PDB file of N, CA and C in Angstrom:
ATOM      1  N   MET A   1       0.843  -1.179   0.000  1.00  0.00           N
ATOM      2  CA  MET A   1       0.000   0.000   0.000  1.00  0.00           C
ATOM      3  C   MET A   1       0.890   1.245   0.000  1.00  0.00           C
ATOM      4  N   ALA A   2       0.650   2.120  -0.925  1.00  0.00           N
ATOM      5  CA  ALA A   2       1.469   3.331  -1.038  1.00  0.00           C
ATOM      6  C   ALA A   2       1.111   4.316   0.062  1.00  0.00           C
ATOM      7  N   ASN A   3       2.124   4.928   0.613  1.00  0.00           N
ATOM      8  CA  ASN A   3       1.934   5.941   1.631  1.00  0.00           C
ATOM      9  C   ASN A   3       1.782   7.293   0.920  1.00  0.00           C
ATOM     10  N   THR A   4       0.624   7.928   1.067  1.00  0.00           N
ATOM     11  CA  THR A   4       0.421   9.208   0.398  1.00  0.00           C
ATOM     12  C   THR A   4       0.376  10.328   1.424  1.00  0.00           C
ATOM     13  N   ARG A   5       1.000  11.414   1.066  1.00  0.00           N
ATOM     14  CA  ARG A   5       1.029  12.578   1.941  1.00  0.00           C
ATOM     15  C   ARG A   5      -0.172  13.454   1.671  1.00  0.00           C
ATOM     16  N   LYS A   6      -0.712  14.014   2.720  1.00  0.00           N
ATOM     17  CA  LYS A   6      -1.869  14.884   2.576  1.00  0.00           C
ATOM     18  C   LYS A   6      -1.540  16.142   1.787  1.00  0.00           C
ATOM     19  N   ASN A   7      -0.411  16.769   2.074  1.00  0.00           N
ATOM     20  CA  ASN A   7      -0.129  18.100   1.526  1.00  0.00           C
ATOM     21  C   ASN A   7       0.915  18.126   0.423  1.00  0.00           C
ATOM     22  N   LYS A   8       1.375  16.992  -0.038  1.00  0.00           N
ATOM     23  CA  LYS A   8       2.515  16.983  -0.955  1.00  0.00           C
ATOM     24  C   LYS A   8       2.355  17.943  -2.118  1.00  0.00           C
ATOM     25  N   ASP A   9       1.206  17.909  -2.770  1.00  0.00           N
ATOM     26  CA  ASP A   9       1.010  18.755  -3.948  1.00  0.00           C
ATOM     27  C   ASP A   9      -0.090  19.786  -3.763  1.00  0.00           C
ATOM     28  N   PHE A  10      -0.529  20.021  -2.530  1.00  0.00           N
ATOM     29  CA  PHE A  10      -1.555  21.029  -2.300  1.00  0.00           C
ATOM     30  C   PHE A  10      -0.919  22.406  -2.376  1.00  0.00           C
ATOM     31  N   ASN A  11      -1.189  23.099  -3.452  1.00  0.00           N
ATOM     32  CA  ASN A  11      -0.624  24.434  -3.651  1.00  0.00           C
ATOM     33  C   ASN A  11      -1.481  25.162  -4.694  1.00  0.00           C
ATOM     34  N   PRO A  12      -2.729  25.530  -4.306  1.00  0.00           N
ATOM     35  CA  PRO A  12      -3.675  26.069  -5.285  1.00  0.00           C
ATOM     36  C   PRO A  12      -3.206  27.348  -5.992  1.00  0.00           C
ATOM     37  N   ASN A  13      -2.354  28.123  -5.342  1.00  0.00           N
ATOM     38  CA  ASN A  13      -1.896  29.374  -5.965  1.00  0.00           C
ATOM     39  C   ASN A  13      -0.477  29.272  -6.508  1.00  0.00           C
ATOM     40  N   ASN A  14       0.063  28.052  -6.546  1.00  0.00           N
ATOM     41  CA  ASN A  14       1.431  27.825  -7.010  1.00  0.00           C
ATOM     42  C   ASN A  14       2.438  28.715  -6.270  1.00  0.00           C
ATOM     43  N   CYS A  15       2.258  28.778  -4.951  1.00  0.00           N
ATOM     44  CA  CYS A  15       3.087  29.635  -4.090  1.00  0.00           C
ATOM     45  C   CYS A  15       4.401  28.926  -3.766  1.00  0.00           C
ATOM     46  N   PRO A  16       5.530  29.602  -3.965  1.00  0.00           N
ATOM     47  CA  PRO A  16       6.812  28.957  -3.668  1.00  0.00           C
ATOM     48  C   PRO A  16       7.002  28.640  -2.186  1.00  0.00           C
ATOM     49  N   VAL A  17       6.449  29.444  -1.288  1.00  0.00           N
ATOM     50  CA  VAL A  17       6.593  29.172   0.152  1.00  0.00           C
ATOM     51  C   VAL A  17       5.785  27.926   0.523  1.00  0.00           C
ATOM     52  N   THR A  18       4.577  27.825  -0.005  1.00  0.00           N
ATOM     53  CA  THR A  18       3.760  26.638   0.227  1.00  0.00           C
ATOM     54  C   THR A  18       4.465  25.400  -0.320  1.00  0.00           C
ATOM     55  N   HIS A  19       5.064  25.534  -1.492  1.00  0.00           N
ATOM     56  CA  HIS A  19       5.812  24.420  -2.088  1.00  0.00           C
ATOM     57  C   HIS A  19       6.931  23.966  -1.139  1.00  0.00           C
ATOM     58  N   LEU A  20       7.687  24.923  -0.609  1.00  0.00           N
ATOM     59  CA  LEU A  20       8.771  24.588   0.332  1.00  0.00           C
ATOM     60  C   LEU A  20       8.215  23.890   1.566  1.00  0.00           C
ATOM     61  N   LEU A  21       7.162  24.455   2.143  1.00  0.00           N
ATOM     62  CA  LEU A  21       6.606  23.868   3.365  1.00  0.00           C
ATOM     63  C   LEU A  21       6.012  22.486   3.115  1.00  0.00           C
ATOM     64  N   ASN A  22       5.519  22.239   1.905  1.00  0.00           N
ATOM     65  CA  ASN A  22       5.046  20.895   1.563  1.00  0.00           C
ATOM     66  C   ASN A  22       6.193  19.892   1.573  1.00  0.00           C
ATOM     67  N   ARG A  23       7.409  20.342   1.347  1.00  0.00           N
ATOM     68  CA  ARG A  23       8.565  19.447   1.316  1.00  0.00           C
ATOM     69  C   ARG A  23       9.215  19.283   2.691  1.00  0.00           C
ATOM     70  N   ILE A  24       9.362  20.370   3.441  1.00  0.00           N
ATOM     71  CA  ILE A  24      10.102  20.268   4.711  1.00  0.00           C
ATOM     72  C   ILE A  24       9.293  20.687   5.926  1.00  0.00           C
ATOM     73  N   GLY A  25       8.002  20.937   5.749  1.00  0.00           N
ATOM     74  CA  GLY A  25       7.170  21.379   6.864  1.00  0.00           C
ATOM     75  C   GLY A  25       6.851  20.242   7.814  1.00  0.00           C
ATOM     76  N   GLY A  26       6.223  20.578   8.887  1.00  0.00           N
ATOM     77  CA  GLY A  26       5.824  19.590   9.886  1.00  0.00           C
ATOM     78  C   GLY A  26       6.745  19.619  11.090  1.00  0.00           C
ATOM     79  N   LYS A  27       6.423  18.776  12.050  1.00  0.00           N
ATOM     80  CA  LYS A  27       7.176  18.745  13.309  1.00  0.00           C
ATOM     81  C   LYS A  27       8.580  18.184  13.149  1.00  0.00           C
ATOM     82  N   TRP A  28       8.740  17.169  12.314  1.00  0.00           N
ATOM     83  CA  TRP A  28       9.949  16.368  12.389  1.00  0.00           C
ATOM     84  C   TRP A  28      10.970  16.574  11.292  1.00  0.00           C
ATOM     85  N   LYS A  29      10.543  16.923  10.090  1.00  0.00           N
ATOM     86  CA  LYS A  29      11.502  16.997   8.983  1.00  0.00           C
ATOM     87  C   LYS A  29      12.651  17.972   9.238  1.00  0.00           C
ATOM     88  N   PRO A  30      12.398  19.186   9.723  1.00  0.00           N
ATOM     89  CA  PRO A  30      13.545  20.066   9.988  1.00  0.00           C
ATOM     90  C   PRO A  30      14.513  19.478  11.013  1.00  0.00           C
ATOM     91  N   LEU A  31      13.980  18.818  12.048  1.00  0.00           N
ATOM     92  CA  LEU A  31      14.835  18.212  13.069  1.00  0.00           C
ATOM     93  C   LEU A  31      15.635  17.041  12.498  1.00  0.00           C
ATOM     94  N   ILE A  32      14.997  16.249  11.653  1.00  0.00           N
ATOM     95  CA  ILE A  32      15.682  15.121  11.018  1.00  0.00           C
ATOM     96  C   ILE A  32      16.789  15.635  10.109  1.00  0.00           C
ATOM     97  N   MET A  33      16.474  16.635   9.298  1.00  0.00           N
ATOM     98  CA  MET A  33      17.476  17.207   8.392  1.00  0.00           C
ATOM     99  C   MET A  33      18.651  17.770   9.173  1.00  0.00           C
ATOM    100  N   TYR A  34      18.359  18.497  10.251  1.00  0.00           N
ATOM    101  CA  TYR A  34      19.424  19.082  11.069  1.00  0.00           C
ATOM    102  C   TYR A  34      20.308  17.973  11.653  1.00  0.00           C
ATOM    103  N   ALA A  35      19.658  16.933  12.195  1.00  0.00           N
ATOM    104  CA  ALA A  35      20.423  15.830  12.789  1.00  0.00           C
ATOM    105  C   ALA A  35      21.318  15.166  11.744  1.00  0.00           C
ATOM    106  N   ILE A  36      20.775  14.906  10.571  1.00  0.00           N
ATOM    107  CA  ILE A  36      21.573  14.272   9.519  1.00  0.00           C
ATOM    108  C   ILE A  36      22.725  15.186   9.114  1.00  0.00           C
ATOM    109  N   SER A  37      22.483  16.485   9.091  1.00  0.00           N
ATOM    110  CA  SER A  37      23.556  17.432   8.736  1.00  0.00           C
ATOM    111  C   SER A  37      24.684  17.419   9.761  1.00  0.00           C
ATOM    112  N   LYS A  38      24.373  16.991  10.987  1.00  0.00           N
ATOM    113  CA  LYS A  38      25.366  16.915  12.067  1.00  0.00           C
ATOM    114  C   LYS A  38      25.875  15.487  12.264  1.00  0.00           C
ATOM    115  N   ASN A  39      25.731  14.669  11.227  1.00  0.00           N
ATOM    116  CA  ASN A  39      26.269  13.311  11.200  1.00  0.00           C
ATOM    117  C   ASN A  39      25.516  12.324  12.088  1.00  0.00           C
ATOM    118  N   VAL A  40      24.298  12.653  12.465  1.00  0.00           N
ATOM    119  CA  VAL A  40      23.416  11.679  13.108  1.00  0.00           C
ATOM    120  C   VAL A  40      22.729  10.991  11.931  1.00  0.00           C
ATOM    121  N   ASN A  41      23.414   9.981  11.376  1.00  0.00           N
ATOM    122  CA  ASN A  41      23.072   9.521  10.041  1.00  0.00           C
ATOM    123  C   ASN A  41      22.567   8.081   9.960  1.00  0.00           C
ATOM    124  N   ARG A  42      22.322   7.459  11.102  1.00  0.00           N
ATOM    125  CA  ARG A  42      21.790   6.085  11.101  1.00  0.00           C
ATOM    126  C   ARG A  42      20.458   6.096  11.832  1.00  0.00           C
ATOM    127  N   PHE A  43      19.605   5.156  11.481  1.00  0.00           N
ATOM    128  CA  PHE A  43      18.262   5.126  12.048  1.00  0.00           C
ATOM    129  C   PHE A  43      18.296   5.104  13.571  1.00  0.00           C
ATOM    130  N   SER A  44      19.132   4.239  14.133  1.00  0.00           N
ATOM    131  CA  SER A  44      19.200   4.131  15.598  1.00  0.00           C
ATOM    132  C   SER A  44      19.685   5.432  16.232  1.00  0.00           C
ATOM    133  N   LYS A  45      20.630   6.110  15.581  1.00  0.00           N
ATOM    134  CA  LYS A  45      21.117   7.400  16.094  1.00  0.00           C
ATOM    135  C   LYS A  45      20.001   8.452  16.042  1.00  0.00           C
ATOM    136  N   LEU A  46      19.227   8.439  14.947  1.00  0.00           N
ATOM    137  CA  LEU A  46      18.112   9.385  14.826  1.00  0.00           C
ATOM    138  C   LEU A  46      17.061   9.114  15.895  1.00  0.00           C
ATOM    139  N   GLN A  47      16.791   7.833  16.179  1.00  0.00           N
ATOM    140  CA  GLN A  47      15.838   7.497  17.236  1.00  0.00           C
ATOM    141  C   GLN A  47      16.302   8.015  18.594  1.00  0.00           C
ATOM    142  N   LYS A  48      17.603   7.898  18.865  1.00  0.00           N
ATOM    143  CA  LYS A  48      18.134   8.395  20.142  1.00  0.00           C
ATOM    144  C   LYS A  48      18.109   9.913  20.198  1.00  0.00           C
ATOM    145  N   ALA A  49      18.398  10.571  19.061  1.00  0.00           N
ATOM    146  CA  ALA A  49      18.419  12.036  19.029  1.00  0.00           C
ATOM    147  C   ALA A  49      17.013  12.627  19.111  1.00  0.00           C
ATOM    148  N   LEU A  50      16.019  11.871  18.630  1.00  0.00           N
ATOM    149  CA  LEU A  50      14.630  12.351  18.598  1.00  0.00           C
ATOM    150  C   LEU A  50      13.721  11.317  19.267  1.00  0.00           C
ATOM    151  N   PRO A  51      13.868  11.116  20.586  1.00  0.00           N
ATOM    152  CA  PRO A  51      13.161  10.017  21.246  1.00  0.00           C
ATOM    153  C   PRO A  51      11.638  10.145  21.268  1.00  0.00           C
ATOM    154  N   VAL A  52      11.104  11.334  21.051  1.00  0.00           N
ATOM    155  CA  VAL A  52       9.641  11.490  21.083  1.00  0.00           C
ATOM    156  C   VAL A  52       8.983  11.152  19.745  1.00  0.00           C
ATOM    157  N   VAL A  53       9.772  10.919  18.703  1.00  0.00           N
ATOM    158  CA  VAL A  53       9.232  10.538  17.398  1.00  0.00           C
ATOM    159  C   VAL A  53       9.018   9.033  17.384  1.00  0.00           C
ATOM    160  N   SER A  54       7.813   8.604  17.002  1.00  0.00           N
ATOM    161  CA  SER A  54       7.571   7.165  16.908  1.00  0.00           C
ATOM    162  C   SER A  54       8.409   6.581  15.776  1.00  0.00           C
ATOM    163  N   LYS A  55       8.666   5.293  15.881  1.00  0.00           N
ATOM    164  CA  LYS A  55       9.462   4.610  14.864  1.00  0.00           C
ATOM    165  C   LYS A  55       8.802   4.748  13.494  1.00  0.00           C
ATOM    166  N   GLN A  56       7.477   4.540  13.428  1.00  0.00           N
ATOM    167  CA  GLN A  56       6.772   4.614  12.151  1.00  0.00           C
ATOM    168  C   GLN A  56       6.809   6.026  11.575  1.00  0.00           C
ATOM    169  N   MET A  57       6.668   7.029  12.412  1.00  0.00           N
ATOM    170  CA  MET A  57       6.727   8.414  11.940  1.00  0.00           C
ATOM    171  C   MET A  57       8.109   8.719  11.386  1.00  0.00           C
ATOM    172  N   LEU A  58       9.151   8.262  12.080  1.00  0.00           N
ATOM    173  CA  LEU A  58      10.511   8.488  11.608  1.00  0.00           C
ATOM    174  C   LEU A  58      10.723   7.810  10.254  1.00  0.00           C
ATOM    175  N   VAL A  59      10.265   6.582  10.123  1.00  0.00           N
ATOM    176  CA  VAL A  59      10.367   5.868   8.849  1.00  0.00           C
ATOM    177  C   VAL A  59       9.652   6.657   7.741  1.00  0.00           C
ATOM    178  N   ASN A  60       8.430   7.098   8.026  1.00  0.00           N
ATOM    179  CA  ASN A  60       7.649   7.837   7.016  1.00  0.00           C
ATOM    180  C   ASN A  60       8.337   9.134   6.609  1.00  0.00           C
ATOM    181  N   GLN A  61       8.849   9.866   7.584  1.00  0.00           N
ATOM    182  CA  GLN A  61       9.483  11.149   7.285  1.00  0.00           C
ATOM    183  C   GLN A  61      10.773  10.946   6.481  1.00  0.00           C
ATOM    184  N   LEU A  62      11.552   9.933   6.843  1.00  0.00           N
ATOM    185  CA  LEU A  62      12.768   9.623   6.082  1.00  0.00           C
ATOM    186  C   LEU A  62      12.422   9.246   4.645  1.00  0.00           C
ATOM    187  N   ARG A  63      11.377   8.458   4.468  1.00  0.00           N
ATOM    188  CA  ARG A  63      10.955   8.076   3.111  1.00  0.00           C
ATOM    189  C   ARG A  63      10.542   9.290   2.289  1.00  0.00           C
ATOM    190  N   GLU A  64       9.794  10.192   2.917  1.00  0.00           N
ATOM    191  CA  GLU A  64       9.357  11.396   2.204  1.00  0.00           C
ATOM    192  C   GLU A  64      10.542  12.278   1.837  1.00  0.00           C
ATOM    193  N   LEU A  65      11.470  12.448   2.758  1.00  0.00           N
ATOM    194  CA  LEU A  65      12.665  13.243   2.459  1.00  0.00           C
ATOM    195  C   LEU A  65      13.478  12.604   1.339  1.00  0.00           C
ATOM    196  N   GLU A  66      13.525  11.282   1.338  1.00  0.00           N
ATOM    197  CA  GLU A  66      14.241  10.584   0.272  1.00  0.00           C
ATOM    198  C   GLU A  66      13.501  10.737  -1.061  1.00  0.00           C
ATOM    199  N   GLU A  67      12.196  10.607  -1.028  1.00  0.00           N
ATOM    200  CA  GLU A  67      11.374  10.753  -2.242  1.00  0.00           C
ATOM    201  C   GLU A  67      11.541  12.148  -2.855  1.00  0.00           C
ATOM    202  N   ASP A  68      11.689  13.147  -1.999  1.00  0.00           N
ATOM    203  CA  ASP A  68      11.850  14.528  -2.470  1.00  0.00           C
ATOM    204  C   ASP A  68      13.300  14.881  -2.775  1.00  0.00           C
ATOM    205  N   LYS A  69      14.177  13.888  -2.725  1.00  0.00           N
ATOM    206  CA  LYS A  69      15.598  14.053  -3.072  1.00  0.00           C
ATOM    207  C   LYS A  69      16.316  15.027  -2.133  1.00  0.00           C
ATOM    208  N   ILE A  70      15.856  15.063  -0.879  1.00  0.00           N
ATOM    209  CA  ILE A  70      16.485  15.910   0.134  1.00  0.00           C
ATOM    210  C   ILE A  70      17.553  15.113   0.886  1.00  0.00           C
ATOM    211  N   ILE A  71      17.306  13.822   1.044  1.00  0.00           N
ATOM    212  CA  ILE A  71      18.311  12.940   1.640  1.00  0.00           C
ATOM    213  C   ILE A  71      18.542  11.745   0.714  1.00  0.00           C
ATOM    214  N   ASP A  72      19.712  11.138   0.861  1.00  0.00           N
ATOM    215  CA  ASP A  72      20.043   9.880   0.198  1.00  0.00           C
ATOM    216  C   ASP A  72      20.097   8.798   1.255  1.00  0.00           C
ATOM    217  N   ARG A  73      19.621   7.640   0.897  1.00  0.00           N
ATOM    218  CA  ARG A  73      19.688   6.452   1.763  1.00  0.00           C
ATOM    219  C   ARG A  73      20.711   5.521   1.145  1.00  0.00           C
ATOM    220  N   MET A  74      21.784   5.279   1.876  1.00  0.00           N
ATOM    221  CA  MET A  74      22.867   4.433   1.361  1.00  0.00           C
ATOM    222  C   MET A  74      22.875   3.118   2.120  1.00  0.00           C
ATOM    223  N   ILE A  75      22.816   2.026   1.374  1.00  0.00           N
ATOM    224  CA  ILE A  75      22.836   0.692   1.976  1.00  0.00           C
ATOM    225  C   ILE A  75      24.206   0.088   1.736  1.00  0.00           C
ATOM    226  N   PHE A  76      24.858  -0.330   2.816  1.00  0.00           N
ATOM    227  CA  PHE A  76      26.175  -0.932   2.741  1.00  0.00           C
ATOM    228  C   PHE A  76      26.028  -2.441   2.799  1.00  0.00           C
ATOM    229  N   ALA A  77      26.617  -3.130   1.838  1.00  0.00           N
ATOM    230  CA  ALA A  77      26.519  -4.594   1.758  1.00  0.00           C
ATOM    231  C   ALA A  77      27.444  -5.231   2.783  1.00  0.00           C
ATOM    232  N   GLU A  78      26.978  -5.244   4.010  1.00  0.00           N
ATOM    233  CA  GLU A  78      27.732  -5.831   5.123  1.00  0.00           C
ATOM    234  C   GLU A  78      26.807  -6.799   5.838  1.00  0.00           C
ATOM    235  N   ILE A  79      27.373  -7.558   6.733  1.00  0.00           N
ATOM    236  CA  ILE A  79      26.572  -8.433   7.579  1.00  0.00           C
ATOM    237  C   ILE A  79      26.745  -7.946   9.008  1.00  0.00           C
ATOM    238  N   PRO A  80      25.751  -7.450   9.691  1.00  0.00           N
ATOM    239  CA  PRO A  80      24.424  -7.134   9.165  1.00  0.00           C
ATOM    240  C   PRO A  80      24.466  -5.904   8.253  1.00  0.00           C
ATOM    241  N   PRO A  81      23.467  -5.744   7.374  1.00  0.00           N
ATOM    242  CA  PRO A  81      23.453  -4.583   6.480  1.00  0.00           C
ATOM    243  C   PRO A  81      23.414  -3.275   7.279  1.00  0.00           C
ATOM    244  N   ARG A  82      24.080  -2.277   6.766  1.00  0.00           N
ATOM    245  CA  ARG A  82      24.130  -0.965   7.422  1.00  0.00           C
ATOM    246  C   ARG A  82      23.511   0.053   6.476  1.00  0.00           C
ATOM    247  N   VAL A  83      22.662   0.916   7.025  1.00  0.00           N
ATOM    248  CA  VAL A  83      22.019   1.973   6.247  1.00  0.00           C
ATOM    249  C   VAL A  83      22.396   3.311   6.866  1.00  0.00           C
ATOM    250  N   GLU A  84      22.828   4.227   6.026  1.00  0.00           N
ATOM    251  CA  GLU A  84      23.136   5.588   6.475  1.00  0.00           C
ATOM    252  C   GLU A  84      22.402   6.586   5.600  1.00  0.00           C
ATOM    253  N   TYR A  85      22.120   7.729   6.186  1.00  0.00           N
ATOM    254  CA  TYR A  85      21.456   8.808   5.472  1.00  0.00           C
ATOM    255  C   TYR A  85      22.407   9.981   5.355  1.00  0.00           C
ATOM    256  N   LYS A  86      22.294  10.705   4.253  1.00  0.00           N
ATOM    257  CA  LYS A  86      23.043  11.953   4.122  1.00  0.00           C
ATOM    258  C   LYS A  86      22.204  12.921   3.325  1.00  0.00           C
ATOM    259  N   LEU A  87      22.450  14.209   3.561  1.00  0.00           N
ATOM    260  CA  LEU A  87      21.762  15.228   2.785  1.00  0.00           C
ATOM    261  C   LEU A  87      22.296  15.207   1.359  1.00  0.00           C
ATOM    262  N   THR A  88      21.402  15.340   0.409  1.00  0.00           N
ATOM    263  CA  THR A  88      21.826  15.506  -0.976  1.00  0.00           C
ATOM    264  C   THR A  88      22.277  16.945  -1.165  1.00  0.00           C
ATOM    265  N   GLU A  89      22.790  17.255  -2.318  1.00  0.00           N
ATOM    266  CA  GLU A  89      23.123  18.652  -2.622  1.00  0.00           C
ATOM    267  C   GLU A  89      21.867  19.518  -2.512  1.00  0.00           C
ATOM    268  N   HIS A  90      20.758  18.978  -2.983  1.00  0.00           N
ATOM    269  CA  HIS A  90      19.463  19.674  -2.886  1.00  0.00           C
ATOM    270  C   HIS A  90      19.104  19.914  -1.416  1.00  0.00           C
ATOM    271  N   GLY A  91      19.318  18.886  -0.584  1.00  0.00           N
ATOM    272  CA  GLY A  91      19.052  19.013   0.846  1.00  0.00           C
ATOM    273  C   GLY A  91      19.974  20.014   1.519  1.00  0.00           C
ATOM    274  N   GLU A  92      21.250  19.979   1.150  1.00  0.00           N
ATOM    275  CA  GLU A  92      22.221  20.949   1.693  1.00  0.00           C
ATOM    276  C   GLU A  92      21.794  22.379   1.380  1.00  0.00           C
ATOM    277  N   SER A  93      21.192  22.573   0.205  1.00  0.00           N
ATOM    278  CA  SER A  93      20.775  23.932  -0.189  1.00  0.00           C
ATOM    279  C   SER A  93      19.656  24.458   0.704  1.00  0.00           C
ATOM    280  N   LEU A  94      18.988  23.572   1.454  1.00  0.00           N
ATOM    281  CA  LEU A  94      17.919  23.988   2.363  1.00  0.00           C
ATOM    282  C   LEU A  94      18.432  24.387   3.743  1.00  0.00           C
ATOM    283  N   MET A  95      19.645  23.994   4.081  1.00  0.00           N
ATOM    284  CA  MET A  95      20.152  24.247   5.435  1.00  0.00           C
ATOM    285  C   MET A  95      20.230  25.732   5.779  1.00  0.00           C
ATOM    286  N   PRO A  96      20.671  26.623   4.883  1.00  0.00           N
ATOM    287  CA  PRO A  96      20.660  28.048   5.244  1.00  0.00           C
ATOM    288  C   PRO A  96      19.259  28.553   5.605  1.00  0.00           C
ATOM    289  N   ILE A  97      18.241  27.998   4.958  1.00  0.00           N
ATOM    290  CA  ILE A  97      16.858  28.382   5.277  1.00  0.00           C
ATOM    291  C   ILE A  97      16.515  27.921   6.689  1.00  0.00           C
ATOM    292  N   LEU A  98      16.911  26.699   7.030  1.00  0.00           N
ATOM    293  CA  LEU A  98      16.637  26.199   8.380  1.00  0.00           C
ATOM    294  C   LEU A  98      17.365  27.022   9.432  1.00  0.00           C
ATOM    295  N   TYR A  99      18.592  27.469   9.129  1.00  0.00           N
ATOM    296  CA  TYR A  99      19.341  28.288  10.086  1.00  0.00           C
ATOM    297  C   TYR A  99      18.686  29.654  10.284  1.00  0.00           C
ATOM    298  N   VAL A 100      18.142  30.240   9.228  1.00  0.00           N
ATOM    299  CA  VAL A 100      17.418  31.521   9.355  1.00  0.00           C
ATOM    300  C   VAL A 100      16.172  31.302  10.211  1.00  0.00           C
ATOM    301  N   MET A 101      15.474  30.192   9.983  1.00  0.00           N
ATOM    302  CA  MET A 101      14.293  29.879  10.796  1.00  0.00           C
ATOM    303  C   MET A 101      14.687  29.671  12.262  1.00  0.00           C
ATOM    304  N   GLN A 102      15.829  29.026  12.490  1.00  0.00           N
ATOM    305  CA  GLN A 102      16.325  28.809  13.851  1.00  0.00           C
ATOM    306  C   GLN A 102      16.604  30.145  14.531  1.00  0.00           C
ATOM    307  N   ASP A 103      17.261  31.049  13.829  1.00  0.00           N
ATOM    308  CA  ASP A 103      17.564  32.366  14.396  1.00  0.00           C
ATOM    309  C   ASP A 103      16.289  33.110  14.766  1.00  0.00           C
ATOM    310  N   TRP A 104      15.314  33.083  13.869  1.00  0.00           N
ATOM    311  CA  TRP A 104      14.048  33.762  14.142  1.00  0.00           C
ATOM    312  C   TRP A 104      13.383  33.137  15.364  1.00  0.00           C
ATOM    313  N   GLY A 105      13.377  31.801  15.424  1.00  0.00           N
ATOM    314  CA  GLY A 105      12.763  31.102  16.548  1.00  0.00           C
ATOM    315  C   GLY A 105      13.423  31.431  17.877  1.00  0.00           C
ATOM    316  N   LEU A 106      14.752  31.508  17.884  1.00  0.00           N
ATOM    317  CA  LEU A 106      15.474  31.858  19.114  1.00  0.00           C
ATOM    318  C   LEU A 106      15.105  33.263  19.582  1.00  0.00           C
ATOM    319  N   LYS A 107      15.057  34.202  18.644  1.00  0.00           N
ATOM    320  CA  LYS A 107      14.683  35.578  18.998  1.00  0.00           C
ATOM    321  C   LYS A 107      13.268  35.646  19.544  1.00  0.00           C
ATOM    322  N   ASP A 108      12.357  34.922  18.890  1.00  0.00           N
ATOM    323  CA  ASP A 108      10.972  34.941  19.325  1.00  0.00           C
ATOM    324  C   ASP A 108      10.806  34.275  20.691  1.00  0.00           C
ATOM    325  N   LEU A 109      11.531  33.177  20.926  1.00  0.00           N
ATOM    326  CA  LEU A 109      11.468  32.522  22.234  1.00  0.00           C
ATOM    327  C   LEU A 109      11.951  33.466  23.337  1.00  0.00           C
ATOM    328  N   LYS A 110      13.042  34.187  23.061  1.00  0.00           N
ATOM    329  CA  LYS A 110      13.558  35.138  24.059  1.00  0.00           C
ATOM    330  C   LYS A 110      12.556  36.263  24.315  1.00  0.00           C
ATOM    331  N   LYS A 111      11.939  36.746  23.248  1.00  0.00           N
ATOM    332  CA  LYS A 111      10.953  37.823  23.375  1.00  0.00           C
ATOM    333  C   LYS A 111       9.762  37.364  24.213  1.00  0.00           C
ATOM    334  N   ARG A 112       9.315  36.148  23.993  1.00  0.00           N
ATOM    335  CA  ARG A 112       8.152  35.610  24.718  1.00  0.00           C
ATOM    336  C   ARG A 112       8.494  35.272  26.167  1.00  0.00           C
ATOM    337  N   ALA A 113       9.762  35.043  26.465  1.00  0.00           N
ATOM    338  CA  ALA A 113      10.170  34.693  27.830  1.00  0.00           C
ATOM    339  C   ALA A 113      10.198  35.922  28.744  1.00  0.00           C
ATOM    340  N   LYS A 114      10.175  37.100  28.146  1.00  0.00           N
ATOM    341  CA  LYS A 114      10.240  38.321  28.963  1.00  0.00           C
ATOM    342  C   LYS A 114       8.941  38.623  29.652  1.00  0.00           C
TER     343      LYS A 114
END
């Protein structure tokens, strides 16, 4: 059974921001991308880094990121098999956007804490 995303192609006005959010929006994708960018690149490492994400949700989000060519899934022919994730060039191009979002979030959190 194919896993279909609710918002993948929902973009009635062909808005570039909506398009971006359809690819990396949600609770987990930015955190997964950030972790992979910091060499947290194996499923078990991602589970430890993001313990509140269910296993199935993590699997689904990784698949979607891979489908959108944001991450690569590399399988090493070893016993037992080893799988690692890395950002693609396309995925790397999104990191400056995530850092700008992080900066804005930090400023807003500080403002709200006052």
